[in-house]
Amino acid sequence: MYLGDCSAVTSGVDYSPGSNDLTHQDNTDLAGCCNLCNQNSACKAFVWVKANGQCWLKSVNTPTASNINVVSGQRGPPTATPDQCVSVNSGFDVSPGFNDLFHQDNMTLGACCEYCNSNTGCKAFVWVKSNGQCWLKTVNIPPVSNINVISGQRTPGSQCTAISPNYDISPGQNDISQQLGTDLDSCCDLCNHNINCKAFVFVPLTGQCFLKSVNLPTTPNNAVISGRRG
């Protein structure tokens, strides 16, 4: 049984509560509930109750409702790849031992990326190579060297465009302002709230955000993530 075989696995979200139930089973674990859904051709989603291990199979995957007592997911493996998250770095941990939102065992790297993207509180993820553990983080700094993991950051929302890991914009020139201690989403927001900003450059290692008055030229730089005003 492998949780990576299901997608959109999310803590705190219920599917169609009280209706559209195919069947349910007691005393399962989360990966087993995923497996039950995948074995039932009519199943579109599952809801797993944390307290008692009940697994509810659903014939629909909408509507959703907030419920802190459950973890839900959808039939079939995730479509996400690590490329759909940004600043994916082998050998770097994020805030080890602190700022954990949730964790799940037996996930692929792509599923861990999707898991972060589907949880609004997640800013970054840490995936353990040896056992597939996926740790969701409420922060994306500080990075710490750890050869046993791969980390990455949540894909920012649609407020900004042309999000480009490893590309700088007009380095050393055309800066409007800079700010320390930001994350990628807030750097995007800073640009959108400044009428003179055309683009931003975010430095994951330090949390620096540079607002730019131009969006060209671009220059390769594996230490930054850039984007354009939305």
Foldseek 3Di string as FASTA:
>chain_A
DAQQFWALWAAFKDAPPPDQWPDKDWDADPSVLLVVQQVDPQFFKWKAFPPTGMITTGNDRDDMDGDNRIIMTTGGGDPFDCVQFAPKFAFKDAPPPDQWDDKDWRHDPRRLQRHQQSYPQFFKWKAFPPTGMITGGNDLDDIDGDNRIIMTGHDEDPQWDPKAAQKDAPPPDQWPDKDWDAGPNVLLVVQQVDPQFFKWKAFSNTRMITGGNDRDDMDGGNRIIMTGGD
